[in-house]
Every structure is written in C-alpha cells, then in structure tokens.
Amino acid sequence: MRVRQPARIAGRRVMLIGHHKGRDTREKIEANFGCAHPEGYRKALRIMRMAEDYKLPVVIFIDTPGAYPGIGAEERGQAQAIATNLREMISVETPIVATVIGEGGSGGALGIGVADRVCVLENAYYSVISPEGCAAILWKSGSRAADAAEVLKLTGKDLLALGIIDEVIPEPAGGAHRDPQQAGQNLKQVILGHLKELKTQSLAKLLESRYEKFRKIGVIG
C-alpha cells in the first residue's frame, strides 16, 4: 500500500492512498503483485483518520487482485484488518473518492473501497473474485475465465447498471497505458468533480448517504 500525505490535485490538498503493483517483474515481486498485507490496511485507515483531523478529502486508487493470501498475513490478522476497515470507513468524517484503475478483486479491493463515490476506469474490473479464481471454483479450470467474467458482471458498464459504482471513466483508445497523460486528465476531472459535489454536503448527510449506498448493494426489487 502506498500513501502520499498530503498530495495535491490541481492545487487541492488531499490524502492519497493506493495499491502499488509495480511495472516490471522485480517491482511486482517486491510489491506482492499489488496484494497488501494487513499492515497496509491498518496504515490506510490510520491515514484516513489523519485526514479527518486535517479536514482533507481522501482519494484512493485501487489496483489489486486481492489481499495477500500468505499464512503469515492470516496469522497477523488479514481478515480482521479488512473487516475493521469496512466498519470504520463508513464513519470517516471526510469525503472519500475511490477509483479502480486496474484490478479490483475481492476484500483486498473493498478494504479501501468504502467511499462516497466509487469509480472504475473503462477497462478495469471490480469483483468479489477474479475470473480465473471463479472459473477454478465453478468449473475446476481457469480456462473458462471468460465465461466466469460474463457471469460475474464485473465490467464498468455492468457495475454502473447494478448501482455498485457511480461512474465509468473513459480511457484513451487502446487503454490507459497507451496514453497515460490523457488517462490522468480524465481521472483528474472526474475526481475533482466528485470532490466539488461532496464538499457541498453536510457531514451528517455525507455519512448517511455513504452508509445507505453500501447497504443497498445486492438488494433486488
């Protein structure tokens, strides 16, 4: 987990939290391929509480296939760390905007994903499990990942229709990695727009809306 405290977006001070995945093989190994340990989730929550004290909004970038699954992480309370974040983020007294910029997998993503506004880049996914993991469970073969992805409804378009996210952020032709500058500009404008909107809400309304937002997920009819 990476933290920048505070950062600036178009001159506006924010607390910035995000997964660090790495670019080449060496970096990815060092960063556990974006899979955070329990200490990372505890650090993220500590920074959010600091943001409360300084009255700064929190901006979060999610890019993880899931929390680190090692025995050591479980022994140090991985599940508890994520569960604590789910409970505590509901009551963090400052605006929170989270964006899935690549992978958004399982509790590893949700552990820093309880936000007033949740956005997803056009070619990113946000799901309870990766398509490969789902295929391995349902069909005993990762080769059916495409079928699993269809069933999971994990694309931005599907997530928006289901009311799980608030906005799909367009990417340049070929994906964000083809034109990082333009992708960054698109991301910046969306984040600033949501922060401006959230700033107009009273604290009581902000917390009530955040709570109701996540209580309604999964409700049909």
Protein backbone atom coordinates (compact mmCIF):
# COMPACT_ATOMS: atom_id res chain seq x y z
CA MET A 1 0.00 0.00 0.00
CA ARG A 2 1.33 3.42 -0.94
CA VAL A 3 0.39 6.65 0.83
CA ARG A 4 1.10 10.23 -0.13
CA GLN A 5 0.21 12.63 2.67
CA PRO A 6 -0.84 15.12 1.65
CA ALA A 7 -0.90 15.19 -2.13
CA ARG A 8 -2.31 17.86 -4.46
CA ILE A 9 -4.74 17.52 -7.34
CA ALA A 10 -4.99 20.73 -9.37
CA GLY A 11 -3.72 22.58 -6.32
CA ARG A 12 -6.22 20.98 -3.97
CA ARG A 13 -4.77 19.14 -0.96
CA VAL A 14 -5.93 15.56 -0.46
CA MET A 15 -4.80 12.43 1.32
CA LEU A 16 -3.81 9.90 -1.35
CA ILE A 17 -3.89 6.14 -0.77
CA GLY A 18 -3.38 3.38 -3.32
CA HIS A 19 -2.14 -0.10 -4.12
CA HIS A 20 1.35 -0.35 -5.59
CA LYS A 21 1.61 -3.18 -8.10
CA GLY A 22 4.89 -2.50 -9.93
CA ARG A 23 5.74 -2.40 -13.61
CA ASP A 24 8.44 -5.00 -14.25
CA THR A 25 8.86 -8.44 -12.68
CA ARG A 26 11.24 -7.24 -9.97
CA GLU A 27 8.91 -4.44 -8.87
CA LYS A 28 5.88 -6.72 -8.96
CA ILE A 29 7.58 -9.27 -6.73
CA GLU A 30 8.62 -6.56 -4.28
CA ALA A 31 5.06 -5.24 -4.22
CA ASN A 32 3.49 -8.71 -3.89
CA PHE A 33 1.74 -8.07 -7.22
CA GLY A 34 -0.43 -5.45 -5.52
CA CYS A 35 -1.61 -7.77 -2.75
CA ALA A 36 -1.47 -5.81 0.51
CA HIS A 37 -0.58 -7.25 3.90
CA PRO A 38 -2.75 -6.49 6.96
CA GLU A 39 -0.31 -3.76 7.96
CA GLY A 40 -1.14 -1.97 4.70
CA TYR A 41 -4.85 -1.85 5.51
CA ARG A 42 -4.13 -0.62 9.02
CA LYS A 43 -1.85 2.09 7.64
CA ALA A 44 -4.55 3.15 5.18
CA LEU A 45 -7.11 3.52 7.95
CA ARG A 46 -4.65 5.48 10.08
CA ILE A 47 -4.14 7.93 7.20
CA MET A 48 -7.90 8.29 6.75
CA ARG A 49 -8.27 9.21 10.41
CA MET A 50 -5.46 11.73 9.96
CA ALA A 51 -7.37 13.18 7.01
CA GLU A 52 -10.30 13.71 9.36
CA ASP A 53 -8.14 15.72 11.73
CA TYR A 54 -6.78 17.92 8.94
CA LYS A 55 -10.17 18.13 7.19
CA LEU A 56 -8.76 16.79 3.93
CA PRO A 57 -10.69 14.61 1.46
CA VAL A 58 -9.34 11.13 0.79
CA VAL A 59 -8.57 9.94 -2.76
CA ILE A 60 -8.00 6.22 -3.23
CA PHE A 61 -6.65 4.24 -6.20
CA ILE A 62 -7.45 0.52 -6.18
CA ASP A 63 -5.41 -1.97 -8.21
CA THR A 64 -5.22 -5.41 -6.64
CA PRO A 65 -6.27 -8.99 -7.43
CA GLY A 66 -6.94 -9.39 -3.69
CA ALA A 67 -5.33 -9.16 -0.28
CA TYR A 68 -2.08 -11.08 0.26
CA PRO A 69 -3.09 -14.74 0.88
CA GLY A 70 0.01 -15.97 2.71
CA ILE A 71 -0.07 -17.81 6.04
CA GLY A 72 1.86 -15.01 7.73
CA ALA A 73 -0.70 -12.41 6.65
CA GLU A 74 -3.51 -14.55 8.02
CA GLU A 75 -1.64 -15.05 11.29
CA ARG A 76 -1.28 -11.28 11.62
CA GLY A 77 -5.00 -10.73 11.19
CA GLN A 78 -5.61 -10.13 7.48
CA ALA A 79 -9.35 -10.79 7.69
CA GLN A 80 -9.73 -8.67 10.80
CA ALA A 81 -7.80 -5.77 9.27
CA ILE A 82 -10.09 -5.72 6.23
CA ALA A 83 -13.23 -6.13 8.34
CA THR A 84 -12.13 -3.26 10.58
CA ASN A 85 -11.65 -1.01 7.55
CA LEU A 86 -15.12 -1.89 6.24
CA ARG A 87 -16.63 -0.89 9.57
CA GLU A 88 -14.55 2.20 10.19
CA MET A 89 -14.58 3.70 6.69
CA ILE A 90 -18.36 4.07 6.90
CA SER A 91 -17.84 6.65 9.64
CA VAL A 92 -14.74 8.50 8.42
CA GLU A 93 -15.75 12.15 8.69
CA THR A 94 -14.40 13.48 5.43
CA PRO A 95 -15.27 12.90 1.74
CA ILE A 96 -13.80 9.75 0.16
CA VAL A 97 -13.49 9.12 -3.58
CA ALA A 98 -12.17 5.72 -4.71
CA THR A 99 -11.27 4.64 -8.25
CA VAL A 100 -10.46 1.16 -9.54
CA ILE A 101 -7.66 1.78 -12.01
CA GLY A 102 -6.90 -1.83 -12.95
CA GLU A 103 -7.89 -4.85 -10.93
CA GLY A 104 -10.42 -4.57 -8.14
CA GLY A 105 -10.52 -8.01 -6.60
CA SER A 106 -12.30 -9.33 -3.53
CA GLY A 107 -11.85 -7.96 0.00
CA GLY A 108 -8.42 -6.71 -1.00
CA ALA A 109 -10.15 -4.00 -3.05
CA LEU A 110 -13.12 -3.44 -0.74
CA GLY A 111 -10.76 -2.99 2.23
CA ILE A 112 -10.01 0.53 0.95
CA GLY A 113 -13.11 0.86 -1.22
CA VAL A 114 -15.85 2.05 1.13
CA ALA A 115 -16.22 5.52 -0.35
CA ASP A 116 -18.79 8.20 -1.06
CA ARG A 117 -18.06 7.84 -4.77
CA VAL A 118 -16.68 4.70 -6.39
CA CYS A 119 -15.45 4.99 -9.98
CA VAL A 120 -13.96 2.45 -12.36
CA LEU A 121 -11.73 3.03 -15.38
CA GLU A 122 -13.34 1.86 -18.59
CA ASN A 123 -11.18 -1.27 -18.95
CA ALA A 124 -10.83 -2.09 -15.25
CA TYR A 125 -12.89 -4.63 -13.30
CA TYR A 126 -14.36 -4.74 -9.81
CA SER A 127 -15.50 -8.08 -8.47
CA VAL A 128 -15.82 -10.36 -5.47
CA ILE A 129 -13.27 -12.68 -7.11
CA SER A 130 -11.07 -12.76 -10.19
CA PRO A 131 -12.48 -14.51 -13.29
CA GLU A 132 -9.69 -17.10 -13.07
CA GLY A 133 -10.46 -17.83 -9.42
CA CYS A 134 -14.18 -18.08 -10.10
CA ALA A 135 -13.62 -20.45 -13.03
CA ALA A 136 -11.35 -22.64 -10.93
CA ILE A 137 -14.07 -22.96 -8.27
CA LEU A 138 -17.10 -23.43 -10.53
CA TRP A 139 -15.61 -25.43 -13.37
CA LYS A 140 -12.32 -26.67 -11.90
CA SER A 141 -10.47 -24.97 -14.73
CA GLY A 142 -9.05 -21.48 -15.17
CA SER A 143 -9.51 -21.87 -18.93
CA ARG A 144 -13.14 -20.80 -18.53
CA ALA A 145 -12.23 -17.40 -17.14
CA ALA A 146 -14.11 -15.66 -19.96
CA ASP A 147 -17.32 -17.47 -19.01
CA ALA A 148 -16.79 -16.55 -15.38
CA ALA A 149 -16.24 -12.89 -16.27
CA GLU A 150 -19.56 -12.82 -18.10
CA VAL A 151 -21.41 -14.31 -15.12
CA LEU A 152 -19.71 -12.04 -12.59
CA LYS A 153 -20.85 -8.83 -14.33
CA LEU A 154 -17.59 -7.15 -13.38
CA THR A 155 -17.23 -4.56 -16.13
CA GLY A 156 -17.81 -0.88 -15.55
CA LYS A 157 -20.99 -0.91 -17.66
CA ASP A 158 -22.49 -3.78 -15.67
CA LEU A 159 -21.43 -2.35 -12.33
CA LEU A 160 -22.99 1.01 -13.14
CA ALA A 161 -26.26 -0.64 -14.16
CA LEU A 162 -26.31 -2.60 -10.89
CA GLY A 163 -25.71 0.55 -8.84
CA ILE A 164 -22.42 -0.70 -7.40
CA ILE A 165 -20.32 2.14 -8.81
CA ASP A 166 -21.04 5.78 -9.55
CA GLU A 167 -19.14 6.45 -12.78
CA VAL A 168 -17.16 4.78 -15.55
CA ILE A 169 -14.14 6.87 -16.53
CA PRO A 170 -13.29 6.71 -20.26
CA GLU A 171 -9.80 5.64 -21.31
CA PRO A 172 -7.83 6.65 -24.41
CA ALA A 173 -8.03 4.33 -27.43
CA GLY A 174 -6.22 1.10 -26.65
CA GLY A 175 -6.32 1.60 -22.88
CA ALA A 176 -4.93 3.97 -20.25
CA HIS A 177 -1.38 2.62 -20.68
CA ARG A 178 -1.36 3.84 -24.30
CA ASP A 179 -1.74 7.46 -23.25
CA PRO A 180 -1.14 7.89 -19.50
CA GLN A 181 -1.30 11.68 -19.75
CA GLN A 182 -4.79 11.72 -21.24
CA ALA A 183 -5.94 8.97 -18.89
CA GLY A 184 -4.65 11.01 -15.97
CA GLN A 185 -6.51 14.08 -17.17
CA ASN A 186 -9.75 12.12 -17.47
CA LEU A 187 -9.24 10.73 -13.98
CA LYS A 188 -8.41 14.13 -12.52
CA GLN A 189 -11.52 15.79 -13.90
CA VAL A 190 -13.80 13.09 -12.54
CA ILE A 191 -12.21 13.14 -9.09
CA LEU A 192 -12.34 16.92 -8.86
CA GLY A 193 -15.98 16.88 -9.96
CA HIS A 194 -16.97 14.44 -7.25
CA LEU A 195 -14.96 16.27 -4.58
CA LYS A 196 -16.66 19.53 -5.52
CA GLU A 197 -20.08 17.91 -5.24
CA LEU A 198 -19.33 16.19 -1.94
CA LYS A 199 -18.00 19.39 -0.43
CA THR A 200 -21.49 20.90 -0.60
CA GLN A 201 -22.97 18.18 1.64
CA SER A 202 -23.22 18.48 5.39
CA LEU A 203 -21.21 15.94 7.38
CA ALA A 204 -24.39 14.25 8.62
CA LYS A 205 -25.72 13.90 5.07
CA LEU A 206 -22.36 12.66 3.80
CA LEU A 207 -22.18 9.84 6.35
CA GLU A 208 -25.83 8.91 5.97
CA SER A 209 -25.54 8.69 2.19
CA ARG A 210 -22.35 6.62 2.39
CA TYR A 211 -24.00 4.16 4.77
CA GLU A 212 -27.12 3.81 2.65
CA LYS A 213 -25.04 3.44 -0.52
CA PHE A 214 -23.41 0.26 0.72
CA ARG A 215 -26.49 -1.10 2.50
CA LYS A 216 -28.35 -1.09 -0.83
CA ILE A 217 -25.76 -3.13 -2.71
CA GLY A 218 -27.19 -6.55 -3.50
CA VAL A 219 -30.81 -5.51 -2.86
CA ILE A 220 -33.07 -6.54 -5.75
CA GLY A 221 -36.54 -5.15 -6.32
